[in-house]
Amino acid sequence: MNATDTRKEHRPDSADGGTSAANVWHLWEDRCKGCGICIEFCPTKALQFSKELSTKGYYVPVLEEKKCTYCGICDLYCPDLAIMVVRGKKTEKQIP
């Protein structure tokens, strides 16, 4: 990321012993207008408004990683394309 990039990225630790690739949640703060649609439609209520204003003067969503299932609904509903969810592919554990 460069100095003008306002993307926030969350990568959870793999809790399954390394059998799945990492899921990633991206937020581009400079695109977000703080409408709250992502927060409203999140099925696990993993998103909430930040306590601080963004550089554009909006309260943007913040992610509570432990609640997030990386379903991508926030990505799908965001009218400003400010959120991107990337789900890792699950692979079978190799037997040595």
C-alpha atoms as a PDB file:
ATOM      1  CA  MET A   1       0.000   0.000   0.000  1.00  0.00           C
ATOM      2  CA  ASN A   2       1.226   3.494  -0.779  1.00  0.00           C
ATOM      3  CA  ALA A   3       0.705   6.685   1.224  1.00  0.00           C
ATOM      4  CA  THR A   4      -2.484   7.651  -0.640  1.00  0.00           C
ATOM      5  CA  ASP A   5      -4.078   4.205  -0.415  1.00  0.00           C
ATOM      6  CA  THR A   6      -6.815   4.203   2.226  1.00  0.00           C
ATOM      7  CA  ARG A   7      -7.518   0.475   2.088  1.00  0.00           C
ATOM      8  CA  LYS A   8      -7.848  -1.459   5.321  1.00  0.00           C
ATOM      9  CA  GLU A   9      -7.315  -5.174   5.162  1.00  0.00           C
ATOM     10  CA  HIS A  10      -8.149  -7.937   7.621  1.00  0.00           C
ATOM     11  CA  ARG A  11      -6.605 -11.400   7.308  1.00  0.00           C
ATOM     12  CA  PRO A  12      -7.625 -13.841  10.024  1.00  0.00           C
ATOM     13  CA  ASP A  13      -5.298 -16.534  11.299  1.00  0.00           C
ATOM     14  CA  SER A  14      -6.131 -19.998  10.033  1.00  0.00           C
ATOM     15  CA  ALA A  15      -7.972 -21.792  12.829  1.00  0.00           C
ATOM     16  CA  ASP A  16      -8.167 -25.155  11.086  1.00  0.00           C
ATOM     17  CA  GLY A  17      -4.539 -26.176  11.199  1.00  0.00           C
ATOM     18  CA  GLY A  18      -3.655 -24.699   7.828  1.00  0.00           C
ATOM     19  CA  THR A  19      -6.185 -26.541   5.668  1.00  0.00           C
ATOM     20  CA  SER A  20      -7.692 -23.375   4.198  1.00  0.00           C
ATOM     21  CA  ALA A  21      -6.244 -20.340   2.486  1.00  0.00           C
ATOM     22  CA  ALA A  22      -6.768 -17.028   4.233  1.00  0.00           C
ATOM     23  CA  ASN A  23      -9.961 -15.037   3.813  1.00  0.00           C
ATOM     24  CA  VAL A  24      -9.502 -11.305   3.354  1.00  0.00           C
ATOM     25  CA  TRP A  25     -11.840  -8.327   3.940  1.00  0.00           C
ATOM     26  CA  HIS A  26     -10.843  -5.043   2.252  1.00  0.00           C
ATOM     27  CA  LEU A  27     -12.282  -1.558   2.831  1.00  0.00           C
ATOM     28  CA  TRP A  28     -11.323   1.441   0.725  1.00  0.00           C
ATOM     29  CA  GLU A  29     -12.113   4.342   3.070  1.00  0.00           C
ATOM     30  CA  ASP A  30     -11.826   6.932   0.296  1.00  0.00           C
ATOM     31  CA  ARG A  31     -14.744   5.271  -1.549  1.00  0.00           C
ATOM     32  CA  CYS A  32     -16.995   4.771   1.486  1.00  0.00           C
ATOM     33  CA  LYS A  33     -19.662   7.396   2.238  1.00  0.00           C
ATOM     34  CA  GLY A  34     -20.785   5.769   5.493  1.00  0.00           C
ATOM     35  CA  CYS A  35     -24.279   4.802   4.310  1.00  0.00           C
ATOM     36  CA  GLY A  36     -24.407   1.745   6.603  1.00  0.00           C
ATOM     37  CA  ILE A  37     -25.947  -0.671   4.102  1.00  0.00           C
ATOM     38  CA  CYS A  38     -23.176  -3.184   4.767  1.00  0.00           C
ATOM     39  CA  ILE A  39     -23.790  -2.937   8.508  1.00  0.00           C
ATOM     40  CA  GLU A  40     -27.552  -3.332   8.107  1.00  0.00           C
ATOM     41  CA  PHE A  41     -27.354  -6.463   5.965  1.00  0.00           C
ATOM     42  CA  CYS A  42     -24.465  -8.277   7.692  1.00  0.00           C
ATOM     43  CA  PRO A  43     -26.026 -11.576   8.884  1.00  0.00           C
ATOM     44  CA  THR A  44     -23.546 -12.036  11.740  1.00  0.00           C
ATOM     45  CA  LYS A  45     -23.458  -8.353  12.776  1.00  0.00           C
ATOM     46  CA  ALA A  46     -19.669  -8.325  12.306  1.00  0.00           C
ATOM     47  CA  LEU A  47     -19.655  -4.725  11.060  1.00  0.00           C
ATOM     48  CA  GLN A  48     -20.251  -1.540  13.008  1.00  0.00           C
ATOM     49  CA  PHE A  49     -19.533   2.139  12.479  1.00  0.00           C
ATOM     50  CA  SER A  50     -16.083   3.417  13.426  1.00  0.00           C
ATOM     51  CA  LYS A  51     -15.751   5.801  16.330  1.00  0.00           C
ATOM     52  CA  GLU A  52     -13.544   8.163  14.319  1.00  0.00           C
ATOM     53  CA  LEU A  53     -14.254  10.022  11.107  1.00  0.00           C
ATOM     54  CA  SER A  54     -12.495   9.062   7.888  1.00  0.00           C
ATOM     55  CA  THR A  55     -10.433  11.596   5.949  1.00  0.00           C
ATOM     56  CA  LYS A  56     -13.616  12.453   4.002  1.00  0.00           C
ATOM     57  CA  GLY A  57     -15.631  13.003   7.176  1.00  0.00           C
ATOM     58  CA  TYR A  58     -17.636   9.761   7.324  1.00  0.00           C
ATOM     59  CA  TYR A  59     -18.005   7.060   9.937  1.00  0.00           C
ATOM     60  CA  VAL A  60     -16.916   3.985   7.985  1.00  0.00           C
ATOM     61  CA  PRO A  61     -17.531   0.333   8.883  1.00  0.00           C
ATOM     62  CA  VAL A  62     -15.056  -1.589  11.002  1.00  0.00           C
ATOM     63  CA  LEU A  63     -14.886  -5.361  11.099  1.00  0.00           C
ATOM     64  CA  GLU A  64     -15.092  -7.558  14.176  1.00  0.00           C
ATOM     65  CA  GLU A  65     -13.105 -10.475  12.772  1.00  0.00           C
ATOM     66  CA  LYS A  66     -14.325 -13.130  15.200  1.00  0.00           C
ATOM     67  CA  LYS A  67     -17.923 -12.674  14.028  1.00  0.00           C
ATOM     68  CA  CYS A  68     -17.195 -12.465  10.278  1.00  0.00           C
ATOM     69  CA  THR A  69     -17.864 -15.521   8.113  1.00  0.00           C
ATOM     70  CA  TYR A  70     -16.599 -13.797   4.933  1.00  0.00           C
ATOM     71  CA  CYS A  71     -19.933 -14.467   3.230  1.00  0.00           C
ATOM     72  CA  GLY A  72     -19.499 -11.412   0.970  1.00  0.00           C
ATOM     73  CA  ILE A  73     -22.923  -9.834   1.519  1.00  0.00           C
ATOM     74  CA  CYS A  74     -21.306  -6.516   2.474  1.00  0.00           C
ATOM     75  CA  ASP A  75     -19.283  -6.657  -0.747  1.00  0.00           C
ATOM     76  CA  LEU A  76     -22.395  -7.422  -2.799  1.00  0.00           C
ATOM     77  CA  TYR A  77     -24.580  -4.658  -1.316  1.00  0.00           C
ATOM     78  CA  CYS A  78     -22.029  -1.816  -1.110  1.00  0.00           C
ATOM     79  CA  PRO A  79     -23.213   0.831  -3.609  1.00  0.00           C
ATOM     80  CA  ASP A  80     -19.794   2.503  -3.710  1.00  0.00           C
ATOM     81  CA  LEU A  81     -17.709  -0.639  -4.302  1.00  0.00           C
ATOM     82  CA  ALA A  82     -15.743   0.198  -1.152  1.00  0.00           C
ATOM     83  CA  ILE A  83     -15.683  -3.363   0.208  1.00  0.00           C
ATOM     84  CA  MET A  84     -14.157  -6.474  -1.261  1.00  0.00           C
ATOM     85  CA  VAL A  85     -14.248  -9.927   0.313  1.00  0.00           C
ATOM     86  CA  VAL A  86     -11.871 -12.613  -0.921  1.00  0.00           C
ATOM     87  CA  ARG A  87     -12.505 -16.131   0.302  1.00  0.00           C
ATOM     88  CA  GLY A  88      -9.665 -18.623   0.364  1.00  0.00           C
ATOM     89  CA  LYS A  89     -10.146 -22.073  -1.101  1.00  0.00           C
ATOM     90  CA  LYS A  90     -10.384 -24.958   1.309  1.00  0.00           C
ATOM     91  CA  THR A  91      -7.975 -27.764   0.516  1.00  0.00           C
ATOM     92  CA  GLU A  92      -7.776 -31.255   1.888  1.00  0.00           C
ATOM     93  CA  LYS A  93      -5.212 -31.884   4.577  1.00  0.00           C
ATOM     94  CA  GLN A  94      -2.386 -33.966   3.178  1.00  0.00           C
ATOM     95  CA  ILE A  95      -1.474 -37.136   5.001  1.00  0.00           C
ATOM     96  CA  PRO A  96       2.298 -37.514   5.400  1.00  0.00           C
END
